[in-house]
N, C-alpha and C. Protein backbone atom coordinates (compact mmCIF):
# COMPACT_ATOMS: atom_id res chain seq x y z
N MET A 1 178.88 31.75 -17.25
CA MET A 1 179.28 31.36 -15.92
C MET A 1 180.13 30.09 -15.99
N ALA A 2 181.24 30.10 -15.29
CA ALA A 2 182.04 28.89 -15.16
C ALA A 2 181.23 27.87 -14.38
N LYS A 3 181.27 26.61 -14.80
CA LYS A 3 180.45 25.59 -14.17
C LYS A 3 181.23 24.63 -13.29
N TYR A 4 182.53 24.61 -13.46
CA TYR A 4 183.36 23.63 -12.75
C TYR A 4 184.49 24.34 -12.02
N ALA A 5 184.95 23.73 -10.93
CA ALA A 5 186.02 24.32 -10.13
C ALA A 5 186.84 23.23 -9.47
N LEU A 6 187.97 23.67 -8.96
CA LEU A 6 188.82 22.84 -8.12
C LEU A 6 189.15 23.63 -6.87
N TYR A 7 189.18 22.96 -5.74
CA TYR A 7 189.65 23.55 -4.49
C TYR A 7 190.69 22.58 -3.94
N VAL A 8 191.89 23.09 -3.70
CA VAL A 8 192.99 22.27 -3.19
C VAL A 8 193.47 22.88 -1.89
N SER A 9 193.38 22.11 -0.82
CA SER A 9 193.81 22.55 0.50
C SER A 9 195.29 22.18 0.68
N LEU A 10 196.08 23.15 1.15
CA LEU A 10 197.53 22.96 1.30
C LEU A 10 197.97 23.38 2.69
N LYS A 11 198.72 22.53 3.38
CA LYS A 11 199.29 22.89 4.68
C LYS A 11 200.80 22.87 4.55
N ALA A 12 201.41 24.03 4.68
CA ALA A 12 202.85 24.15 4.52
C ALA A 12 203.59 23.48 5.68
N LYS A 13 204.73 22.88 5.35
CA LYS A 13 205.61 22.39 6.41
C LYS A 13 206.14 23.61 7.16
N PRO A 14 206.41 23.49 8.46
CA PRO A 14 206.96 24.61 9.21
C PRO A 14 208.23 25.14 8.54
N GLY A 15 208.28 26.45 8.37
CA GLY A 15 209.43 27.09 7.76
C GLY A 15 209.38 27.16 6.23
N LYS A 16 208.37 26.55 5.63
CA LYS A 16 208.25 26.52 4.16
C LYS A 16 207.19 27.50 3.63
N GLU A 17 206.64 28.32 4.51
CA GLU A 17 205.56 29.22 4.10
C GLU A 17 205.98 30.16 2.97
N GLY A 18 207.16 30.72 3.05
CA GLY A 18 207.63 31.62 2.00
C GLY A 18 207.76 30.92 0.66
N GLU A 19 208.23 29.68 0.69
CA GLU A 19 208.36 28.91 -0.55
C GLU A 19 206.99 28.57 -1.13
N VAL A 20 206.03 28.28 -0.25
CA VAL A 20 204.68 27.98 -0.72
C VAL A 20 204.07 29.23 -1.38
N GLU A 21 204.24 30.38 -0.76
CA GLU A 21 203.71 31.62 -1.34
C GLU A 21 204.38 31.93 -2.67
N ALA A 22 205.67 31.72 -2.78
CA ALA A 22 206.37 31.92 -4.05
C ALA A 22 205.86 30.95 -5.11
N PHE A 23 205.62 29.71 -4.70
CA PHE A 23 205.09 28.71 -5.62
C PHE A 23 203.72 29.13 -6.13
N LEU A 24 202.86 29.63 -5.24
CA LEU A 24 201.52 30.07 -5.65
C LEU A 24 201.60 31.24 -6.62
N LYS A 25 202.52 32.16 -6.40
CA LYS A 25 202.68 33.28 -7.33
C LYS A 25 203.14 32.78 -8.70
N GLN A 26 204.01 31.81 -8.73
CA GLN A 26 204.44 31.21 -9.99
C GLN A 26 203.27 30.49 -10.66
N GLY A 27 202.44 29.83 -9.87
CA GLY A 27 201.26 29.14 -10.41
C GLY A 27 200.31 30.10 -11.10
N SER A 28 200.17 31.29 -10.56
CA SER A 28 199.32 32.29 -11.19
C SER A 28 199.83 32.64 -12.58
N GLN A 29 201.12 32.76 -12.73
CA GLN A 29 201.71 33.06 -14.04
C GLN A 29 201.48 31.91 -15.01
N LEU A 30 201.63 30.67 -14.54
CA LEU A 30 201.40 29.52 -15.40
C LEU A 30 199.93 29.42 -15.82
N ALA A 31 199.02 29.76 -14.92
CA ALA A 31 197.59 29.69 -15.21
C ALA A 31 197.19 30.65 -16.33
N GLN A 32 197.92 31.76 -16.46
CA GLN A 32 197.63 32.71 -17.54
C GLN A 32 197.74 32.06 -18.91
N LYS A 33 198.54 31.03 -19.03
CA LYS A 33 198.78 30.36 -20.31
C LYS A 33 197.75 29.26 -20.60
N GLU A 34 196.90 28.94 -19.64
CA GLU A 34 195.93 27.87 -19.80
C GLU A 34 194.61 28.43 -20.36
N SER A 35 194.32 28.11 -21.59
CA SER A 35 193.10 28.66 -22.21
C SER A 35 191.83 28.15 -21.54
N GLY A 36 191.85 26.97 -20.96
CA GLY A 36 190.65 26.41 -20.34
C GLY A 36 190.42 26.84 -18.90
N THR A 37 191.38 27.55 -18.32
CA THR A 37 191.23 28.02 -16.94
C THR A 37 190.64 29.42 -16.96
N VAL A 38 189.43 29.57 -16.40
CA VAL A 38 188.74 30.86 -16.39
C VAL A 38 189.34 31.77 -15.32
N SER A 39 189.48 31.24 -14.12
CA SER A 39 190.08 32.02 -13.02
C SER A 39 190.93 31.10 -12.17
N TRP A 40 191.94 31.68 -11.52
CA TRP A 40 192.87 30.91 -10.68
C TRP A 40 193.26 31.78 -9.50
N TYR A 41 193.11 31.25 -8.30
CA TYR A 41 193.43 32.00 -7.08
C TYR A 41 194.34 31.16 -6.19
N GLY A 42 195.42 31.75 -5.73
CA GLY A 42 196.26 31.18 -4.69
C GLY A 42 195.93 31.93 -3.41
N LEU A 43 195.50 31.23 -2.37
CA LEU A 43 194.97 31.86 -1.16
C LEU A 43 195.78 31.50 0.08
N LYS A 44 195.93 32.46 0.97
CA LYS A 44 196.45 32.19 2.30
C LYS A 44 195.27 32.25 3.25
N GLU A 45 194.94 31.12 3.85
CA GLU A 45 193.76 31.04 4.71
C GLU A 45 194.08 31.38 6.17
N ASP A 46 195.22 30.94 6.61
CA ASP A 46 195.63 31.11 8.00
C ASP A 46 197.13 30.85 8.02
N GLU A 47 197.78 31.07 9.13
CA GLU A 47 199.22 30.83 9.20
C GLU A 47 199.54 29.38 8.85
N GLY A 48 200.26 29.19 7.76
CA GLY A 48 200.66 27.86 7.33
C GLY A 48 199.63 27.12 6.49
N HIS A 49 198.44 27.69 6.35
CA HIS A 49 197.37 27.05 5.59
C HIS A 49 197.08 27.86 4.33
N TYR A 50 197.14 27.19 3.20
CA TYR A 50 196.95 27.81 1.91
C TYR A 50 195.96 26.98 1.10
N SER A 51 195.51 27.54 -0.01
CA SER A 51 194.67 26.78 -0.92
C SER A 51 194.75 27.37 -2.31
N VAL A 52 194.27 26.59 -3.25
CA VAL A 52 194.11 27.03 -4.63
C VAL A 52 192.65 26.82 -4.99
N PHE A 53 192.06 27.83 -5.62
CA PHE A 53 190.70 27.73 -6.14
C PHE A 53 190.73 28.20 -7.57
N ASP A 54 190.25 27.37 -8.49
CA ASP A 54 190.22 27.77 -9.88
C ASP A 54 188.94 27.30 -10.53
N THR A 55 188.56 27.99 -11.63
CA THR A 55 187.29 27.70 -12.29
C THR A 55 187.49 27.42 -13.77
N PHE A 56 186.50 26.69 -14.32
CA PHE A 56 186.59 26.22 -15.71
C PHE A 56 185.18 26.21 -16.31
N ASN A 57 185.09 26.42 -17.62
CA ASN A 57 183.80 26.38 -18.30
C ASN A 57 183.32 24.96 -18.53
N ASP A 58 184.25 24.02 -18.62
CA ASP A 58 183.87 22.64 -18.94
C ASP A 58 184.85 21.65 -18.33
N GLU A 59 184.47 20.38 -18.37
CA GLU A 59 185.31 19.32 -17.82
C GLU A 59 186.64 19.22 -18.57
N ALA A 60 186.63 19.49 -19.87
CA ALA A 60 187.87 19.41 -20.65
C ALA A 60 188.90 20.40 -20.14
N GLY A 61 188.47 21.61 -19.80
CA GLY A 61 189.39 22.61 -19.25
C GLY A 61 189.92 22.19 -17.90
N ARG A 62 189.04 21.64 -17.07
CA ARG A 62 189.48 21.19 -15.75
C ARG A 62 190.44 20.02 -15.87
N ASP A 63 190.13 19.07 -16.75
CA ASP A 63 191.03 17.93 -16.95
C ASP A 63 192.37 18.36 -17.50
N ALA A 64 192.37 19.31 -18.43
CA ALA A 64 193.63 19.82 -18.98
C ALA A 64 194.47 20.46 -17.88
N HIS A 65 193.81 21.18 -16.99
CA HIS A 65 194.52 21.81 -15.88
C HIS A 65 195.10 20.75 -14.94
N LEU A 66 194.31 19.73 -14.62
CA LEU A 66 194.78 18.67 -13.73
C LEU A 66 195.95 17.88 -14.31
N ASN A 67 196.11 17.93 -15.61
CA ASN A 67 197.22 17.24 -16.27
C ASN A 67 198.27 18.21 -16.80
N GLY A 68 198.17 19.48 -16.41
CA GLY A 68 199.05 20.52 -16.94
C GLY A 68 200.27 20.80 -16.09
N GLU A 69 200.93 21.89 -16.43
CA GLU A 69 202.21 22.26 -15.81
C GLU A 69 202.09 22.58 -14.32
N ILE A 70 201.01 23.25 -13.93
CA ILE A 70 200.85 23.59 -12.50
C ILE A 70 200.71 22.32 -11.67
N ALA A 71 199.88 21.41 -12.13
CA ALA A 71 199.68 20.16 -11.39
C ALA A 71 200.97 19.36 -11.30
N LYS A 72 201.71 19.30 -12.39
CA LYS A 72 202.99 18.58 -12.38
C LYS A 72 203.96 19.21 -11.39
N ALA A 73 204.04 20.54 -11.39
CA ALA A 73 204.93 21.23 -10.47
C ALA A 73 204.49 21.02 -9.02
N LEU A 74 203.19 21.08 -8.80
CA LEU A 74 202.65 20.88 -7.44
C LEU A 74 202.98 19.49 -6.92
N MET A 75 202.77 18.49 -7.74
CA MET A 75 203.05 17.12 -7.31
C MET A 75 204.54 16.89 -7.09
N SER A 76 205.38 17.51 -7.90
CA SER A 76 206.83 17.32 -7.74
C SER A 76 207.36 17.98 -6.47
N LYS A 77 206.68 19.00 -5.97
CA LYS A 77 207.11 19.73 -4.76
C LYS A 77 206.34 19.32 -3.51
N ALA A 78 205.33 18.49 -3.67
CA ALA A 78 204.41 18.19 -2.55
C ALA A 78 205.13 17.71 -1.30
N SER A 79 206.00 16.73 -1.43
CA SER A 79 206.65 16.18 -0.23
C SER A 79 207.64 17.15 0.39
N GLU A 80 208.16 18.05 -0.40
CA GLU A 80 209.12 19.05 0.10
C GLU A 80 208.43 20.20 0.83
N LEU A 81 207.27 20.64 0.32
CA LEU A 81 206.64 21.85 0.83
C LEU A 81 205.48 21.63 1.79
N PHE A 82 204.79 20.48 1.68
CA PHE A 82 203.53 20.34 2.41
C PHE A 82 203.57 19.27 3.49
N ALA A 83 202.92 19.58 4.61
CA ALA A 83 202.92 18.70 5.77
C ALA A 83 201.89 17.59 5.68
N GLU A 84 200.91 17.75 4.81
CA GLU A 84 199.84 16.77 4.66
C GLU A 84 199.64 16.47 3.17
N PRO A 85 199.06 15.32 2.87
CA PRO A 85 198.75 15.03 1.46
C PRO A 85 197.80 16.07 0.89
N LEU A 86 197.95 16.37 -0.38
CA LEU A 86 197.07 17.34 -1.03
C LEU A 86 195.65 16.81 -1.07
N LYS A 87 194.70 17.69 -0.84
CA LYS A 87 193.28 17.34 -0.89
C LYS A 87 192.68 18.10 -2.06
N ILE A 88 192.40 17.39 -3.14
CA ILE A 88 191.86 18.01 -4.35
C ILE A 88 190.36 17.72 -4.41
N HIS A 89 189.56 18.79 -4.41
CA HIS A 89 188.11 18.67 -4.45
C HIS A 89 187.62 19.16 -5.81
N LYS A 90 186.92 18.29 -6.54
CA LYS A 90 186.27 18.69 -7.79
C LYS A 90 184.89 19.23 -7.42
N ILE A 91 184.62 20.44 -7.85
CA ILE A 91 183.40 21.16 -7.46
C ILE A 91 182.58 21.50 -8.69
N THR A 92 181.28 21.43 -8.56
CA THR A 92 180.36 21.95 -9.57
C THR A 92 179.75 23.23 -9.03
N ILE A 93 179.85 24.30 -9.77
CA ILE A 93 179.32 25.59 -9.35
C ILE A 93 177.84 25.65 -9.71
N VAL A 94 177.01 25.94 -8.73
CA VAL A 94 175.56 25.99 -8.98
C VAL A 94 175.04 27.42 -9.09
N ALA A 95 175.78 28.41 -8.59
CA ALA A 95 175.37 29.81 -8.69
C ALA A 95 176.58 30.70 -8.52
N ASP A 96 176.54 31.87 -9.13
CA ASP A 96 177.60 32.85 -8.94
C ASP A 96 177.05 34.24 -9.17
N LYS A 97 177.89 35.23 -8.95
CA LYS A 97 177.51 36.62 -9.20
C LYS A 97 178.64 37.26 -9.98
């Protein structure tokens, strides 16, 4: 069972929804290359509201992800694509199925 996760809440700027969705699809491809990332999800929660949820077996995998290519790309596009500052939540998973 993966023990660690990240949840990142994203609110697209008006008119940037398509770019955010394209960015999330690209993020999925980048996550495939990360050995420490167990799962990675780009989610559309509501109109203009998106999130990323990903899981890791250990802190080293999560830290590598936070310092990896997806995080760098996200931070470089943040002011262009998102209406609010990114909210990154470090989560510990206590149960799963």
